Amino acid sequence: MAATNNTRKEYTNGELTIVWKPEKCVHAGVCVKTLPKVYDPKRKPWIQAENASTEALKSQIETCPSGALSYFKNT
């Protein structure tokens, strides 16, 4: 049985943490088109959560077609 890749990367703006699971990503580009100041695949790190409000991030993440992006509120 093949091992599954459970890679996950986290990026925070202080209030909210974005979780990205690269193996689920279908590269539809919805994130980049919606919030280009946050998501830039040419930049390292490619997600800069501090460049948008928490509400804008939540709204965009909820439109991710693959489910590769999710979030949790920091306590």
Protein backbone atom coordinates (compact mmCIF):
# COMPACT_ATOMS: atom_id res chain seq x y z
CA MET A 1 0.00 0.00 0.00
CA ALA A 2 1.40 3.41 -0.98
CA ALA A 3 2.04 5.97 1.71
CA THR A 4 -0.06 9.11 1.55
CA ASN A 5 1.55 12.51 1.58
CA ASN A 6 0.10 14.50 4.46
CA THR A 7 2.15 17.64 3.87
CA ARG A 8 0.53 20.76 5.24
CA LYS A 9 1.85 24.27 5.44
CA GLU A 10 0.52 27.01 7.69
CA TYR A 11 0.55 30.77 7.23
CA THR A 12 -0.92 33.26 9.69
CA ASN A 13 -1.99 36.89 9.88
CA GLY A 14 -2.15 36.70 13.68
CA GLU A 15 -5.94 36.20 13.89
CA LEU A 16 -6.34 33.38 11.38
CA THR A 17 -4.07 30.59 10.15
CA ILE A 18 -4.32 29.38 6.56
CA VAL A 19 -3.65 25.67 6.09
CA TRP A 20 -2.48 24.59 2.63
CA LYS A 21 -2.35 20.92 1.64
CA PRO A 22 -0.33 20.89 -1.60
CA GLU A 23 -1.26 17.31 -2.57
CA LYS A 24 -4.93 18.35 -2.79
CA CYS A 25 -4.29 21.49 -4.85
CA VAL A 26 -5.57 21.36 -8.45
CA HIS A 27 -3.98 24.74 -9.30
CA ALA A 28 -7.28 26.26 -10.44
CA GLY A 29 -5.88 29.70 -9.57
CA VAL A 30 -8.97 30.94 -7.74
CA CYS A 31 -6.87 32.04 -4.77
CA VAL A 32 -4.33 33.93 -6.93
CA LYS A 33 -7.06 35.66 -8.95
CA THR A 34 -9.09 36.60 -5.87
CA LEU A 35 -6.30 37.81 -3.57
CA PRO A 36 -3.11 38.35 -5.61
CA LYS A 37 -1.44 40.27 -2.77
CA VAL A 38 -1.80 37.18 -0.56
CA TYR A 39 -1.20 34.35 -3.04
CA ASP A 40 1.78 34.67 -5.39
CA PRO A 41 3.34 31.41 -6.58
CA LYS A 42 6.49 33.26 -7.69
CA ARG A 43 7.18 34.56 -4.17
CA LYS A 44 8.62 32.72 -1.15
CA PRO A 45 6.63 32.11 0.94
CA TRP A 46 3.91 32.06 -1.67
CA ILE A 47 1.15 32.84 0.87
CA GLN A 48 1.38 36.11 2.81
CA ALA A 49 -1.70 36.09 5.00
CA GLU A 50 -0.94 39.50 6.51
CA ASN A 51 -1.78 41.14 3.15
CA ALA A 52 -5.57 40.76 3.58
CA SER A 53 -8.18 41.04 6.28
CA THR A 54 -9.31 37.96 8.15
CA GLU A 55 -12.76 38.23 6.57
CA ALA A 56 -11.32 38.48 3.05
CA LEU A 57 -9.15 35.42 3.70
CA LYS A 58 -12.07 33.38 5.05
CA SER A 59 -14.27 34.35 2.10
CA GLN A 60 -11.60 33.36 -0.44
CA ILE A 61 -10.65 30.09 1.28
CA GLU A 62 -14.29 28.99 1.29
CA THR A 63 -14.25 29.18 -2.54
CA CYS A 64 -11.22 26.88 -2.98
CA PRO A 65 -12.47 24.24 -5.43
CA SER A 66 -10.14 21.44 -4.28
CA GLY A 67 -10.29 21.93 -0.53
CA ALA A 68 -6.52 22.38 -0.46
CA LEU A 69 -6.97 25.58 1.53
CA SER A 70 -8.62 25.68 4.93
CA TYR A 71 -8.25 27.86 8.01
CA PHE A 72 -8.61 28.03 11.75
CA LYS A 73 -8.97 30.97 14.10
CA ASN A 74 -6.02 31.54 16.41
CA THR A 75 -6.86 31.66 20.11
